[in-house]
Each structure stands twice: as C-alpha cells, then as structure tokens.
C-alpha cells in the first residue's frame, strides 16, 4: 500500500530526502506522495524511512492504494530499471 501525507504536514522537508524512490514531492501547501513511486521502502529498508523522520506523524497508509509486499517489490525493481 502506498503511503499518504495528510493535512497535518508542516512542510518541514524532512521526508523528501529520505525517500529512496523520489516519491515525495513538494506541494502547496503540503508535501504529497506519488503512489506510483511509493514502495513503502520495500527492497531498501525494513520500514518506511519517511515515517521514521516525520516530526508530526502525518504519513499514513493510503487505503486507496493497497498493494502486497510482492507488488511493492516489483514496483521497486521497475523503478530501478527505469533509472538505469
């Protein structure tokens, strides 16, 4: 399942640099996560790095984008292949 940044976001920029798939982008007024690029850090970290660094805990599961671990792994491998 992709993650979602809710309205609690303070646009502190802590999460953006942590994302290994560059899924987090600056929005107006809050940041947002591209569900097509979010892998919940599967393939890179044991848990989502953006959640770990968020000072206001505004990053939550996106119930509209439910994916299995296998699907997230496939997405991560596809993103890596695009960057080569």
PDB file of N, CA and C in Angstrom:
ATOM      1  N   UNK A   1       0.850  -1.161   0.000  1.00  0.00           N
ATOM      2  CA  UNK A   1       0.000   0.000   0.000  1.00  0.00           C
ATOM      3  C   UNK A   1       0.897   1.226   0.000  1.00  0.00           C
ATOM      4  N   UNK A   2       0.622   2.140  -0.839  1.00  0.00           N
ATOM      5  CA  UNK A   2       1.369   3.397  -0.857  1.00  0.00           C
ATOM      6  C   UNK A   2       1.039   4.185   0.406  1.00  0.00           C
ATOM      7  N   UNK A   3       1.869   5.145   0.687  1.00  0.00           N
ATOM      8  CA  UNK A   3       1.652   5.998   1.846  1.00  0.00           C
ATOM      9  C   UNK A   3       1.042   7.317   1.393  1.00  0.00           C
ATOM     10  N   UNK A   4       0.532   8.059   2.345  1.00  0.00           N
ATOM     11  CA  UNK A   4      -0.168   9.305   2.077  1.00  0.00           C
ATOM     12  C   UNK A   4       0.250  10.320   3.130  1.00  0.00           C
ATOM     13  N   UNK A   5       0.468  11.546   2.721  1.00  0.00           N
ATOM     14  CA  UNK A   5       0.760  12.633   3.657  1.00  0.00           C
ATOM     15  C   UNK A   5      -0.546  13.386   3.881  1.00  0.00           C
ATOM     16  N   UNK A   6      -0.967  13.452   5.142  1.00  0.00           N
ATOM     17  CA  UNK A   6      -2.247  14.109   5.421  1.00  0.00           C
ATOM     18  C   UNK A   6      -2.061  15.592   5.743  1.00  0.00           C
ATOM     19  N   UNK A   7      -3.154  16.257   6.071  1.00  0.00           N
ATOM     20  CA  UNK A   7      -3.159  17.707   6.283  1.00  0.00           C
ATOM     21  C   UNK A   7      -2.378  18.160   7.511  1.00  0.00           C
ATOM     22  N   UNK A   8      -1.885  17.225   8.315  1.00  0.00           N
ATOM     23  CA  UNK A   8      -1.060  17.579   9.475  1.00  0.00           C
ATOM     24  C   UNK A   8       0.351  18.013   9.050  1.00  0.00           C
ATOM     25  N   UNK A   9       0.708  17.801   7.798  1.00  0.00           N
ATOM     26  CA  UNK A   9       2.051  18.118   7.283  1.00  0.00           C
ATOM     27  C   UNK A   9       2.401  19.585   7.530  1.00  0.00           C
ATOM     28  N   UNK A  10       3.635  19.794   8.015  1.00  0.00           N
ATOM     29  CA  UNK A  10       4.126  21.154   8.252  1.00  0.00           C
ATOM     30  C   UNK A  10       5.153  21.571   7.198  1.00  0.00           C
ATOM     31  N   UNK A  11       5.288  20.782   6.138  1.00  0.00           N
ATOM     32  CA  UNK A  11       6.206  21.065   5.027  1.00  0.00           C
ATOM     33  C   UNK A  11       7.626  21.339   5.519  1.00  0.00           C
ATOM     34  N   UNK A  12       8.094  20.472   6.415  1.00  0.00           N
ATOM     35  CA  UNK A  12       9.429  20.669   7.007  1.00  0.00           C
ATOM     36  C   UNK A  12      10.549  20.144   6.128  1.00  0.00           C
ATOM     37  N   UNK A  13      10.233  19.326   5.105  1.00  0.00           N
ATOM     38  CA  UNK A  13      11.201  18.783   4.157  1.00  0.00           C
ATOM     39  C   UNK A  13      11.997  17.605   4.710  1.00  0.00           C
ATOM     40  N   UNK A  14      11.666  17.116   5.892  1.00  0.00           N
ATOM     41  CA  UNK A  14      12.419  16.004   6.480  1.00  0.00           C
ATOM     42  C   UNK A  14      12.249  14.712   5.685  1.00  0.00           C
ATOM     43  N   UNK A  15      11.091  14.490   5.138  1.00  0.00           N
ATOM     44  CA  UNK A  15      10.796  13.220   4.483  1.00  0.00           C
ATOM     45  C   UNK A  15      11.332  13.111   3.057  1.00  0.00           C
ATOM     46  N   UNK A  16      11.359  14.200   2.340  1.00  0.00           N
ATOM     47  CA  UNK A  16      11.661  14.153   0.902  1.00  0.00           C
ATOM     48  C   UNK A  16      13.020  13.532   0.601  1.00  0.00           C
ATOM     49  N   UNK A  17      14.049  13.957   1.304  1.00  0.00           N
ATOM     50  CA  UNK A  17      15.390  13.422   1.048  1.00  0.00           C
ATOM     51  C   UNK A  17      15.554  11.982   1.512  1.00  0.00           C
ATOM     52  N   UNK A  18      14.671  11.515   2.366  1.00  0.00           N
ATOM     53  CA  UNK A  18      14.742  10.145   2.871  1.00  0.00           C
ATOM     54  C   UNK A  18      14.178   9.120   1.894  1.00  0.00           C
ATOM     55  N   UNK A  19      13.366   9.553   0.954  1.00  0.00           N
ATOM     56  CA  UNK A  19      12.667   8.630   0.061  1.00  0.00           C
ATOM     57  C   UNK A  19      13.611   8.067  -1.005  1.00  0.00           C
ATOM     58  N   UNK A  20      13.832   6.743  -1.009  1.00  0.00           N
ATOM     59  CA  UNK A  20      14.753   6.149  -1.985  1.00  0.00           C
ATOM     60  C   UNK A  20      14.206   6.092  -3.408  1.00  0.00           C
ATOM     61  N   UNK A  21      12.914   6.322  -3.587  1.00  0.00           N
ATOM     62  CA  UNK A  21      12.324   6.264  -4.926  1.00  0.00           C
ATOM     63  C   UNK A  21      11.828   7.625  -5.404  1.00  0.00           C
ATOM     64  N   UNK A  22      12.207   8.665  -4.718  1.00  0.00           N
ATOM     65  CA  UNK A  22      11.792  10.045  -5.021  1.00  0.00           C
ATOM     66  C   UNK A  22      10.280  10.167  -5.229  1.00  0.00           C
ATOM     67  N   UNK A  23       9.537   9.496  -4.377  1.00  0.00           N
ATOM     68  CA  UNK A  23       8.078   9.526  -4.470  1.00  0.00           C
ATOM     69  C   UNK A  23       7.479  10.746  -3.784  1.00  0.00           C
ATOM     70  N   UNK A  24       8.251  11.421  -2.942  1.00  0.00           N
ATOM     71  CA  UNK A  24       7.726  12.552  -2.180  1.00  0.00           C
ATOM     72  C   UNK A  24       8.101  13.848  -2.888  1.00  0.00           C
ATOM     73  N   UNK A  25       7.074  14.661  -3.116  1.00  0.00           N
ATOM     74  CA  UNK A  25       7.281  15.930  -3.808  1.00  0.00           C
ATOM     75  C   UNK A  25       6.664  17.063  -3.012  1.00  0.00           C
ATOM     76  N   UNK A  26       7.207  18.241  -3.215  1.00  0.00           N
ATOM     77  CA  UNK A  26       6.683  19.426  -2.538  1.00  0.00           C
ATOM     78  C   UNK A  26       5.401  19.865  -3.214  1.00  0.00           C
ATOM     79  N   UNK A  27       4.393  20.071  -2.415  1.00  0.00           N
ATOM     80  CA  UNK A  27       3.119  20.567  -2.924  1.00  0.00           C
ATOM     81  C   UNK A  27       2.821  21.915  -2.296  1.00  0.00           C
ATOM     82  N   UNK A  28       1.649  22.392  -2.541  1.00  0.00           N
ATOM     83  CA  UNK A  28       1.262  23.673  -1.965  1.00  0.00           C
ATOM     84  C   UNK A  28      -0.074  23.501  -1.266  1.00  0.00           C
ATOM     85  N   UNK A  29      -0.157  23.495   0.010  1.00  0.00           N
ATOM     86  CA  UNK A  29       0.854  23.898   0.981  1.00  0.00           C
ATOM     87  C   UNK A  29       1.618  22.733   1.596  1.00  0.00           C
ATOM     88  N   UNK A  30       1.192  21.479   1.344  1.00  0.00           N
ATOM     89  CA  UNK A  30       1.860  20.345   1.981  1.00  0.00           C
ATOM     90  C   UNK A  30       2.511  19.449   0.938  1.00  0.00           C
ATOM     91  N   UNK A  31       3.370  18.571   1.408  1.00  0.00           N
ATOM     92  CA  UNK A  31       4.023  17.601   0.530  1.00  0.00           C
ATOM     93  C   UNK A  31       3.020  16.514   0.147  1.00  0.00           C
ATOM     94  N   UNK A  32       3.335  15.767  -0.929  1.00  0.00           N
ATOM     95  CA  UNK A  32       2.488  14.651  -1.312  1.00  0.00           C
ATOM     96  C   UNK A  32       3.356  13.497  -1.785  1.00  0.00           C
ATOM     97  N   UNK A  33       2.784  12.314  -1.757  1.00  0.00           N
ATOM     98  CA  UNK A  33       3.481  11.093  -2.156  1.00  0.00           C
ATOM     99  C   UNK A  33       2.841  10.564  -3.428  1.00  0.00           C
ATOM    100  N   UNK A  34       3.668  10.331  -4.448  1.00  0.00           N
ATOM    101  CA  UNK A  34       3.201   9.755  -5.705  1.00  0.00           C
ATOM    102  C   UNK A  34       2.997   8.253  -5.482  1.00  0.00           C
ATOM    103  N   UNK A  35       1.753   7.770  -5.509  1.00  0.00           N
ATOM    104  CA  UNK A  35       1.511   6.348  -5.233  1.00  0.00           C
ATOM    105  C   UNK A  35       2.135   5.420  -6.275  1.00  0.00           C
ATOM    106  N   UNK A  36       2.423   5.926  -7.465  1.00  0.00           N
ATOM    107  CA  UNK A  36       3.060   5.099  -8.490  1.00  0.00           C
ATOM    108  C   UNK A  36       4.547   4.883  -8.209  1.00  0.00           C
ATOM    109  N   UNK A  37       5.135   5.696  -7.326  1.00  0.00           N
ATOM    110  CA  UNK A  37       6.554   5.563  -6.994  1.00  0.00           C
ATOM    111  C   UNK A  37       6.789   5.086  -5.559  1.00  0.00           C
ATOM    112  N   UNK A  38       5.771   5.144  -4.715  1.00  0.00           N
ATOM    113  CA  UNK A  38       5.935   4.749  -3.315  1.00  0.00           C
ATOM    114  C   UNK A  38       5.948   3.236  -3.190  1.00  0.00           C
ATOM    115  N   UNK A  39       7.013   2.719  -2.598  1.00  0.00           N
ATOM    116  CA  UNK A  39       7.139   1.283  -2.359  1.00  0.00           C
ATOM    117  C   UNK A  39       7.166   0.980  -0.867  1.00  0.00           C
ATOM    118  N   UNK A  40       6.877   1.966  -0.041  1.00  0.00           N
ATOM    119  CA  UNK A  40       6.969   1.845   1.413  1.00  0.00           C
ATOM    120  C   UNK A  40       8.368   1.384   1.829  1.00  0.00           C
ATOM    121  N   UNK A  41       9.340   1.700   1.010  1.00  0.00           N
ATOM    122  CA  UNK A  41      10.752   1.362   1.218  1.00  0.00           C
ATOM    123  C   UNK A  41      11.028  -0.137   1.130  1.00  0.00           C
ATOM    124  N   UNK A  42      10.069  -0.926   0.631  1.00  0.00           N
ATOM    125  CA  UNK A  42      10.293  -2.355   0.409  1.00  0.00           C
ATOM    126  C   UNK A  42      11.436  -2.495  -0.588  1.00  0.00           C
ATOM    127  N   UNK A  43      12.392  -3.329  -0.264  1.00  0.00           N
ATOM    128  CA  UNK A  43      13.557  -3.519  -1.114  1.00  0.00           C
ATOM    129  C   UNK A  43      14.730  -2.666  -0.690  1.00  0.00           C
ATOM    130  N   UNK A  44      14.494  -1.702   0.203  1.00  0.00           N
ATOM    131  CA  UNK A  44      15.556  -0.801   0.641  1.00  0.00           C
ATOM    132  C   UNK A  44      15.721  -0.829   2.163  1.00  0.00           C
ATOM    133  N   UNK A  45      14.641  -0.574   2.878  1.00  0.00           N
ATOM    134  CA  UNK A  45      14.666  -0.517   4.338  1.00  0.00           C
ATOM    135  C   UNK A  45      13.617  -1.458   4.923  1.00  0.00           C
ATOM    136  N   UNK A  46      13.752  -1.739   6.205  1.00  0.00           N
ATOM    137  CA  UNK A  46      12.789  -2.610   6.885  1.00  0.00           C
ATOM    138  C   UNK A  46      11.444  -1.932   7.105  1.00  0.00           C
ATOM    139  N   UNK A  47      11.443  -0.616   7.193  1.00  0.00           N
ATOM    140  CA  UNK A  47      10.205   0.132   7.351  1.00  0.00           C
ATOM    141  C   UNK A  47      10.336   1.453   6.615  1.00  0.00           C
ATOM    142  N   UNK A  48       9.223   2.112   6.329  1.00  0.00           N
ATOM    143  CA  UNK A  48       9.279   3.362   5.571  1.00  0.00           C
ATOM    144  C   UNK A  48      10.124   4.433   6.270  1.00  0.00           C
ATOM    145  N   UNK A  49      11.132   4.917   5.575  1.00  0.00           N
ATOM    146  CA  UNK A  49      12.037   5.904   6.175  1.00  0.00           C
ATOM    147  C   UNK A  49      11.360   7.252   6.385  1.00  0.00           C
ATOM    148  N   UNK A  50      10.394   7.591   5.556  1.00  0.00           N
ATOM    149  CA  UNK A  50       9.721   8.877   5.717  1.00  0.00           C
ATOM    150  C   UNK A  50       8.942   8.941   7.030  1.00  0.00           C
ATOM    151  N   UNK A  51       8.330   7.831   7.407  1.00  0.00           N
ATOM    152  CA  UNK A  51       7.583   7.793   8.665  1.00  0.00           C
ATOM    153  C   UNK A  51       8.532   7.996   9.842  1.00  0.00           C
ATOM    154  N   UNK A  52       9.710   7.393   9.763  1.00  0.00           N
ATOM    155  CA  UNK A  52      10.670   7.474  10.855  1.00  0.00           C
ATOM    156  C   UNK A  52      11.164   8.899  11.110  1.00  0.00           C
ATOM    157  N   UNK A  53      11.246   9.723  10.064  1.00  0.00           N
ATOM    158  CA  UNK A  53      11.788  11.081  10.232  1.00  0.00           C
ATOM    159  C   UNK A  53      10.722  12.163  10.362  1.00  0.00           C
ATOM    160  N   UNK A  54       9.473  11.820  10.167  1.00  0.00           N
ATOM    161  CA  UNK A  54       8.406  12.828  10.213  1.00  0.00           C
ATOM    162  C   UNK A  54       8.167  13.291  11.657  1.00  0.00           C
ATOM    163  N   UNK A  55       8.353  14.587  11.917  1.00  0.00           N
ATOM    164  CA  UNK A  55       8.194  15.077  13.290  1.00  0.00           C
ATOM    165  C   UNK A  55       6.743  15.212  13.753  1.00  0.00           C
ATOM    166  N   UNK A  56       5.792  15.187  12.829  1.00  0.00           N
ATOM    167  CA  UNK A  56       4.389  15.361  13.219  1.00  0.00           C
ATOM    168  C   UNK A  56       3.529  14.129  12.920  1.00  0.00           C
ATOM    169  N   UNK A  57       4.150  13.056  12.490  1.00  0.00           N
ATOM    170  CA  UNK A  57       3.453  11.798  12.231  1.00  0.00           C
ATOM    171  C   UNK A  57       2.259  11.960  11.287  1.00  0.00           C
ATOM    172  N   UNK A  58       2.518  12.633  10.163  1.00  0.00           N
ATOM    173  CA  UNK A  58       1.434  12.887   9.205  1.00  0.00           C
ATOM    174  C   UNK A  58       1.435  11.917   8.029  1.00  0.00           C
ATOM    175  N   UNK A  59       2.319  10.924   8.034  1.00  0.00           N
ATOM    176  CA  UNK A  59       2.394   9.971   6.930  1.00  0.00           C
ATOM    177  C   UNK A  59       1.698   8.683   7.356  1.00  0.00           C
ATOM    178  N   UNK A  60       0.665   8.332   6.601  1.00  0.00           N
ATOM    179  CA  UNK A  60      -0.200   7.209   6.959  1.00  0.00           C
ATOM    180  C   UNK A  60      -0.420   6.317   5.739  1.00  0.00           C
ATOM    181  N   UNK A  61      -0.893   5.081   5.959  1.00  0.00           N
ATOM    182  CA  UNK A  61      -1.226   4.218   4.813  1.00  0.00           C
ATOM    183  C   UNK A  61      -2.337   4.832   3.967  1.00  0.00           C
ATOM    184  N   UNK A  62      -2.207   4.696   2.665  1.00  0.00           N
ATOM    185  CA  UNK A  62      -3.214   5.190   1.720  1.00  0.00           C
ATOM    186  C   UNK A  62      -4.161   4.042   1.413  1.00  0.00           C
ATOM    187  N   UNK A  63      -5.321   4.063   2.002  1.00  0.00           N
ATOM    188  CA  UNK A  63      -6.282   2.969   1.849  1.00  0.00           C
ATOM    189  C   UNK A  63      -6.807   2.837   0.419  1.00  0.00           C
ATOM    190  N   UNK A  64      -6.581   3.841  -0.417  1.00  0.00           N
ATOM    191  CA  UNK A  64      -6.999   3.768  -1.819  1.00  0.00           C
ATOM    192  C   UNK A  64      -5.950   3.113  -2.708  1.00  0.00           C
ATOM    193  N   UNK A  65      -4.779   2.800  -2.140  1.00  0.00           N
ATOM    194  CA  UNK A  65      -3.685   2.197  -2.909  1.00  0.00           C
ATOM    195  C   UNK A  65      -3.095   1.014  -2.146  1.00  0.00           C
ATOM    196  N   UNK A  66      -3.878  -0.038  -2.003  1.00  0.00           N
ATOM    197  CA  UNK A  66      -3.456  -1.228  -1.278  1.00  0.00           C
ATOM    198  C   UNK A  66      -2.653  -2.129  -2.211  1.00  0.00           C
ATOM    199  N   UNK A  67      -1.449  -2.523  -1.755  1.00  0.00           N
ATOM    200  CA  UNK A  67      -0.576  -3.404  -2.536  1.00  0.00           C
ATOM    201  C   UNK A  67       0.054  -4.435  -1.613  1.00  0.00           C
ATOM    202  N   UNK A  68       0.355  -5.600  -2.169  1.00  0.00           N
ATOM    203  CA  UNK A  68       1.029  -6.644  -1.407  1.00  0.00           C
ATOM    204  C   UNK A  68       2.537  -6.362  -1.387  1.00  0.00           C
ATOM    205  N   UNK A  69       3.234  -7.076  -0.533  1.00  0.00           N
ATOM    206  CA  UNK A  69       4.698  -6.951  -0.479  1.00  0.00           C
ATOM    207  C   UNK A  69       5.289  -7.309  -1.843  1.00  0.00           C
ATOM    208  N   UNK A  70       4.774  -8.353  -2.470  1.00  0.00           N
ATOM    209  CA  UNK A  70       5.269  -8.754  -3.790  1.00  0.00           C
ATOM    210  C   UNK A  70       5.069  -7.644  -4.821  1.00  0.00           C
ATOM    211  N   UNK A  71       3.923  -6.987  -4.784  1.00  0.00           N
ATOM    212  CA  UNK A  71       3.672  -5.892  -5.715  1.00  0.00           C
ATOM    213  C   UNK A  71       4.612  -4.713  -5.447  1.00  0.00           C
ATOM    214  N   UNK A  72       4.859  -4.419  -4.176  1.00  0.00           N
ATOM    215  CA  UNK A  72       5.782  -3.328  -3.831  1.00  0.00           C
ATOM    216  C   UNK A  72       7.204  -3.663  -4.268  1.00  0.00           C
ATOM    217  N   UNK A  73       7.609  -4.929  -4.105  1.00  0.00           N
ATOM    218  CA  UNK A  73       8.935  -5.340  -4.563  1.00  0.00           C
ATOM    219  C   UNK A  73       9.058  -5.208  -6.077  1.00  0.00           C
ATOM    220  N   UNK A  74       8.027  -5.619  -6.799  1.00  0.00           N
ATOM    221  CA  UNK A  74       8.032  -5.492  -8.251  1.00  0.00           C
ATOM    222  C   UNK A  74       8.117  -4.025  -8.671  1.00  0.00           C
ATOM    223  N   UNK A  75       7.358  -3.178  -7.993  1.00  0.00           N
ATOM    224  CA  UNK A  75       7.379  -1.747  -8.300  1.00  0.00           C
ATOM    225  C   UNK A  75       8.782  -1.180  -8.079  1.00  0.00           C
ATOM    226  N   UNK A  76       9.417  -1.568  -6.967  1.00  0.00           N
ATOM    227  CA  UNK A  76      10.765  -1.077  -6.671  1.00  0.00           C
ATOM    228  C   UNK A  76      11.749  -1.517  -7.760  1.00  0.00           C
ATOM    229  N   UNK A  77      11.679  -2.767  -8.156  1.00  0.00           N
ATOM    230  CA  UNK A  77      12.580  -3.263  -9.208  1.00  0.00           C
ATOM    231  C   UNK A  77      12.324  -2.533 -10.527  1.00  0.00           C
ATOM    232  N   UNK A  78      11.081  -2.243 -10.821  1.00  0.00           N
ATOM    233  CA  UNK A  78      10.731  -1.499 -12.047  1.00  0.00           C
ATOM    234  C   UNK A  78      11.297  -0.078 -12.013  1.00  0.00           C
ATOM    235  N   UNK A  79      11.222   0.552 -10.855  1.00  0.00           N
ATOM    236  CA  UNK A  79      11.756   1.906 -10.715  1.00  0.00           C
ATOM    237  C   UNK A  79      13.273   1.895 -10.901  1.00  0.00           C
ATOM    238  N   UNK A  80      13.946   0.887 -10.317  1.00  0.00           N
ATOM    239  CA  UNK A  80      15.395   0.759 -10.504  1.00  0.00           C
ATOM    240  C   UNK A  80      15.743   0.576 -11.969  1.00  0.00           C
ATOM    241  N   UNK A  81      14.980  -0.234 -12.671  1.00  0.00           N
ATOM    242  CA  UNK A  81      15.239  -0.487 -14.095  1.00  0.00           C
ATOM    243  C   UNK A  81      15.059   0.781 -14.920  1.00  0.00           C
ATOM    244  N   UNK A  82      14.091   1.633 -14.557  1.00  0.00           N
ATOM    245  CA  UNK A  82      13.867   2.892 -15.258  1.00  0.00           C
ATOM    246  C   UNK A  82      15.071   3.824 -15.121  1.00  0.00           C
ATOM    247  N   UNK A  83      15.717   3.773 -13.970  1.00  0.00           N
ATOM    248  CA  UNK A  83      16.809   4.703 -13.677  1.00  0.00           C
ATOM    249  C   UNK A  83      18.133   4.264 -14.301  1.00  0.00           C
ATOM    250  N   UNK A  84      18.193   3.050 -14.792  1.00  0.00           N
ATOM    251  CA  UNK A  84      19.452   2.572 -15.407  1.00  0.00           C
ATOM    252  C   UNK A  84      19.623   3.072 -16.811  1.00  0.00           C
TER     253      UNK A  84
END
